[in-house]
């Protein structure tokens, strides 16, 4: 199975970048899950959790809203604020 290339970006910094098998978040229309091969989409996100599943582990961050873009197995999540906790420490 191919992997997603994921970028998680806050207004002031890139929080995380890497490969993942799945990304899930809550949009204004409900929960959305992205797997490799997903059709292009642009979705407005509400405050809540974004989960990034990477080879056997799941990373989780809390955002205050933003948007998610998918195109050709590239996922970009942009939010004003991201509470990344341990994820931010792992990305350094």
N, C-alpha and C. Protein backbone atom coordinates (compact mmCIF):
# COMPACT_ATOMS: atom_id res chain seq x y z
N UNK A 1 0.85 -1.18 0.00
CA UNK A 1 0.00 0.00 0.00
C UNK A 1 0.89 1.24 0.00
N UNK A 2 0.54 2.21 -0.81
CA UNK A 2 1.31 3.45 -0.84
C UNK A 2 1.01 4.28 0.40
N UNK A 3 1.83 5.29 0.61
CA UNK A 3 1.69 6.13 1.80
C UNK A 3 1.25 7.53 1.41
N UNK A 4 0.68 8.22 2.37
CA UNK A 4 0.33 9.63 2.22
C UNK A 4 1.52 10.48 2.63
N UNK A 5 1.74 11.57 1.95
CA UNK A 5 2.72 12.57 2.39
C UNK A 5 1.91 13.64 3.11
N UNK A 6 2.22 13.84 4.40
CA UNK A 6 1.38 14.69 5.24
C UNK A 6 2.18 15.87 5.76
N UNK A 7 1.56 17.05 5.73
CA UNK A 7 2.11 18.25 6.36
C UNK A 7 1.05 18.79 7.31
N UNK A 8 1.46 19.09 8.53
CA UNK A 8 0.60 19.71 9.53
C UNK A 8 1.20 21.07 9.84
N UNK A 9 0.46 22.13 9.52
CA UNK A 9 1.00 23.47 9.58
C UNK A 9 0.13 24.36 10.48
N UNK A 10 0.79 25.07 11.41
CA UNK A 10 0.12 26.10 12.21
C UNK A 10 0.40 27.44 11.54
N UNK A 11 -0.27 28.47 11.97
CA UNK A 11 -0.08 29.79 11.38
C UNK A 11 1.36 30.27 11.46
N UNK A 12 2.09 29.85 12.49
CA UNK A 12 3.44 30.36 12.71
C UNK A 12 4.57 29.36 12.46
N UNK A 13 4.22 28.08 12.14
CA UNK A 13 5.30 27.10 11.97
C UNK A 13 4.75 25.81 11.34
N UNK A 14 5.70 25.03 10.78
CA UNK A 14 5.35 23.68 10.35
C UNK A 14 5.49 22.80 11.58
N UNK A 15 4.43 22.11 11.96
CA UNK A 15 4.40 21.31 13.17
C UNK A 15 4.93 19.91 12.93
N UNK A 16 4.54 19.31 11.80
CA UNK A 16 4.95 17.93 11.52
C UNK A 16 4.89 17.68 10.03
N UNK A 17 5.80 16.84 9.56
CA UNK A 17 5.80 16.43 8.17
C UNK A 17 6.31 15.00 8.10
N UNK A 18 5.66 14.16 7.32
CA UNK A 18 6.11 12.79 7.19
C UNK A 18 5.12 11.95 6.41
N UNK A 19 5.32 10.64 6.45
CA UNK A 19 4.44 9.71 5.75
C UNK A 19 3.46 9.09 6.73
N UNK A 20 2.29 8.79 6.23
CA UNK A 20 1.24 8.19 7.06
C UNK A 20 0.40 7.24 6.22
N UNK A 21 -0.29 6.34 6.91
CA UNK A 21 -1.21 5.43 6.24
C UNK A 21 -2.63 5.98 6.25
N UNK A 22 -2.93 6.88 7.21
CA UNK A 22 -4.27 7.45 7.30
C UNK A 22 -4.24 8.76 8.08
N UNK A 23 -5.09 9.68 7.70
CA UNK A 23 -5.29 10.94 8.43
C UNK A 23 -6.79 11.07 8.65
N UNK A 24 -7.18 11.44 9.87
CA UNK A 24 -8.60 11.67 10.13
C UNK A 24 -8.78 12.95 10.93
N UNK A 25 -9.89 13.62 10.68
CA UNK A 25 -10.19 14.89 11.34
C UNK A 25 -11.69 15.11 11.31
N UNK A 26 -12.14 16.14 12.01
CA UNK A 26 -13.57 16.49 12.01
C UNK A 26 -13.77 17.73 11.15
N UNK A 27 -14.61 17.59 10.13
CA UNK A 27 -14.93 18.71 9.26
C UNK A 27 -16.29 19.28 9.63
N UNK A 28 -16.67 20.36 8.98
CA UNK A 28 -17.99 20.95 9.24
C UNK A 28 -19.11 19.99 8.82
N UNK A 29 -18.80 19.02 7.96
CA UNK A 29 -19.79 18.04 7.51
C UNK A 29 -19.71 16.72 8.26
N UNK A 30 -18.81 16.61 9.23
CA UNK A 30 -18.63 15.36 9.97
C UNK A 30 -17.20 14.87 9.88
N UNK A 31 -16.95 13.68 10.43
CA UNK A 31 -15.60 13.12 10.41
C UNK A 31 -15.19 12.76 8.99
N UNK A 32 -13.90 12.97 8.70
CA UNK A 32 -13.36 12.62 7.40
C UNK A 32 -12.10 11.79 7.62
N UNK A 33 -11.96 10.74 6.85
CA UNK A 33 -10.78 9.89 6.90
C UNK A 33 -10.14 9.84 5.53
N UNK A 34 -8.82 9.99 5.49
CA UNK A 34 -8.10 10.02 4.23
C UNK A 34 -7.15 8.83 4.18
N UNK A 35 -7.27 8.03 3.13
CA UNK A 35 -6.38 6.90 2.86
C UNK A 35 -5.68 7.16 1.53
N UNK A 36 -4.56 6.47 1.27
CA UNK A 36 -3.92 6.62 -0.05
C UNK A 36 -4.92 6.36 -1.17
N UNK A 37 -4.81 7.16 -2.23
CA UNK A 37 -5.71 7.04 -3.36
C UNK A 37 -7.00 7.84 -3.23
N UNK A 38 -7.15 8.59 -2.14
CA UNK A 38 -8.36 9.40 -1.94
C UNK A 38 -8.49 10.44 -3.04
N UNK A 39 -9.71 10.71 -3.44
CA UNK A 39 -9.99 11.74 -4.44
C UNK A 39 -9.60 13.11 -3.88
N UNK A 40 -9.24 14.04 -4.75
CA UNK A 40 -8.92 15.40 -4.28
C UNK A 40 -10.10 15.99 -3.52
N UNK A 41 -9.79 16.69 -2.43
CA UNK A 41 -10.83 17.30 -1.61
C UNK A 41 -10.24 18.49 -0.86
N UNK A 42 -11.08 19.47 -0.62
CA UNK A 42 -10.75 20.60 0.25
C UNK A 42 -11.86 20.67 1.27
N UNK A 43 -11.52 20.58 2.55
CA UNK A 43 -12.53 20.49 3.60
C UNK A 43 -12.22 21.48 4.71
N UNK A 44 -13.25 22.17 5.19
CA UNK A 44 -13.11 23.08 6.33
C UNK A 44 -13.21 22.25 7.60
N UNK A 45 -12.23 22.43 8.50
CA UNK A 45 -12.18 21.67 9.75
C UNK A 45 -12.69 22.51 10.92
N UNK A 46 -13.31 21.83 11.86
CA UNK A 46 -13.76 22.47 13.10
C UNK A 46 -12.75 22.14 14.20
N UNK A 47 -12.86 22.83 15.33
CA UNK A 47 -11.97 22.56 16.46
C UNK A 47 -12.11 21.11 16.88
N UNK A 48 -10.98 20.48 17.14
CA UNK A 48 -11.01 19.08 17.57
C UNK A 48 -9.69 18.40 17.30
N UNK A 49 -9.76 17.09 17.22
CA UNK A 49 -8.56 16.26 17.10
C UNK A 49 -8.28 15.88 15.65
N UNK A 50 -7.00 15.92 15.30
CA UNK A 50 -6.53 15.39 14.02
C UNK A 50 -5.65 14.20 14.36
N UNK A 51 -5.93 13.05 13.76
CA UNK A 51 -5.16 11.83 14.02
C UNK A 51 -4.38 11.45 12.77
N UNK A 52 -3.10 11.15 12.98
CA UNK A 52 -2.21 10.74 11.89
C UNK A 52 -1.69 9.36 12.23
N UNK A 53 -2.07 8.36 11.43
CA UNK A 53 -1.63 6.98 11.68
C UNK A 53 -0.38 6.71 10.84
N UNK A 54 0.72 6.47 11.55
CA UNK A 54 1.99 6.17 10.91
C UNK A 54 2.41 4.78 11.32
N UNK A 55 2.87 3.99 10.42
CA UNK A 55 3.39 2.65 10.65
C UNK A 55 3.29 2.09 12.05
N UNK A 56 2.12 1.83 12.53
CA UNK A 56 1.95 1.17 13.82
C UNK A 56 1.65 2.09 14.99
N UNK A 57 1.78 3.39 14.82
CA UNK A 57 1.43 4.31 15.91
C UNK A 57 0.47 5.37 15.40
N UNK A 58 -0.26 5.96 16.32
CA UNK A 58 -1.19 7.04 15.96
C UNK A 58 -0.79 8.29 16.71
N UNK A 59 -0.49 9.34 15.97
CA UNK A 59 -0.16 10.64 16.55
C UNK A 59 -1.45 11.46 16.57
N UNK A 60 -1.62 12.26 17.60
CA UNK A 60 -2.84 13.03 17.75
C UNK A 60 -2.50 14.47 18.15
N UNK A 61 -3.16 15.42 17.51
CA UNK A 61 -3.01 16.83 17.86
C UNK A 61 -4.40 17.45 17.96
N UNK A 62 -4.48 18.56 18.66
CA UNK A 62 -5.73 19.29 18.76
C UNK A 62 -5.57 20.61 18.01
N UNK A 63 -6.54 20.90 17.15
CA UNK A 63 -6.51 22.15 16.41
C UNK A 63 -7.74 22.98 16.78
N UNK A 64 -7.68 24.27 16.43
CA UNK A 64 -8.82 25.15 16.72
C UNK A 64 -9.67 25.41 15.49
N UNK A 65 -9.47 24.63 14.45
CA UNK A 65 -10.18 24.82 13.19
C UNK A 65 -9.17 25.12 12.10
N UNK A 66 -9.59 25.01 10.87
CA UNK A 66 -8.69 25.25 9.75
C UNK A 66 -9.22 24.57 8.51
N UNK A 67 -8.31 24.02 7.71
CA UNK A 67 -8.75 23.28 6.54
C UNK A 67 -7.81 22.13 6.24
N UNK A 68 -8.29 21.19 5.45
CA UNK A 68 -7.55 20.01 5.04
C UNK A 68 -7.64 19.94 3.52
N UNK A 69 -6.50 19.74 2.88
CA UNK A 69 -6.44 19.62 1.43
C UNK A 69 -5.82 18.28 1.07
N UNK A 70 -6.42 17.60 0.09
CA UNK A 70 -5.89 16.32 -0.40
C UNK A 70 -5.75 16.41 -1.91
N UNK A 71 -4.58 16.02 -2.41
CA UNK A 71 -4.37 15.94 -3.85
C UNK A 71 -3.20 15.01 -4.12
N UNK A 72 -3.43 13.97 -4.88
CA UNK A 72 -2.41 13.00 -5.28
C UNK A 72 -1.61 12.46 -4.09
N UNK A 73 -2.30 11.94 -3.10
CA UNK A 73 -1.70 11.35 -1.89
C UNK A 73 -0.88 12.35 -1.06
N UNK A 74 -1.13 13.62 -1.24
CA UNK A 74 -0.51 14.66 -0.42
C UNK A 74 -1.61 15.32 0.41
N UNK A 75 -1.44 15.30 1.73
CA UNK A 75 -2.43 15.86 2.65
C UNK A 75 -1.79 17.04 3.38
N UNK A 76 -2.45 18.18 3.34
CA UNK A 76 -1.99 19.36 4.07
C UNK A 76 -3.10 19.78 5.01
N UNK A 77 -2.76 19.87 6.30
CA UNK A 77 -3.70 20.35 7.32
C UNK A 77 -3.16 21.68 7.80
N UNK A 78 -3.96 22.73 7.70
CA UNK A 78 -3.57 24.07 8.11
C UNK A 78 -4.53 24.56 9.18
N UNK A 79 -3.98 25.06 10.29
CA UNK A 79 -4.80 25.59 11.39
C UNK A 79 -4.14 26.82 11.98
N UNK A 80 -4.95 27.70 12.58
CA UNK A 80 -4.37 28.87 13.25
C UNK A 80 -3.50 28.43 14.42
N UNK A 81 -4.04 27.53 15.24
CA UNK A 81 -3.29 27.04 16.41
C UNK A 81 -3.34 25.52 16.44
N UNK A 82 -2.20 24.94 16.82
CA UNK A 82 -2.09 23.48 16.93
C UNK A 82 -1.49 23.17 18.29
N UNK A 83 -2.19 22.37 19.08
CA UNK A 83 -1.65 21.87 20.35
C UNK A 83 -1.12 20.48 20.08
N UNK A 84 0.20 20.39 19.85
CA UNK A 84 0.79 19.14 19.39
C UNK A 84 1.36 18.29 20.51
N UNK A 85 1.56 18.82 21.71
CA UNK A 85 2.08 18.04 22.81
C UNK A 85 3.35 17.32 22.46
N UNK A 86 3.37 15.99 22.56
CA UNK A 86 4.56 15.19 22.31
C UNK A 86 4.91 15.13 20.81
N UNK A 87 3.94 15.35 19.96
CA UNK A 87 4.21 15.32 18.53
C UNK A 87 5.22 16.39 18.14
N UNK A 88 5.09 17.59 18.71
CA UNK A 88 6.02 18.68 18.40
C UNK A 88 7.43 18.31 18.85
N UNK A 89 7.56 17.67 20.00
CA UNK A 89 8.87 17.27 20.49
C UNK A 89 9.50 16.21 19.59
N UNK A 90 8.68 15.30 19.06
CA UNK A 90 9.19 14.24 18.20
C UNK A 90 9.62 14.77 16.86
N UNK A 91 9.05 15.87 16.40
CA UNK A 91 9.37 16.41 15.08
C UNK A 91 10.67 17.20 15.08
N UNK A 92 11.16 17.57 16.23
CA UNK A 92 12.40 18.37 16.28
C UNK A 92 13.61 17.57 15.97
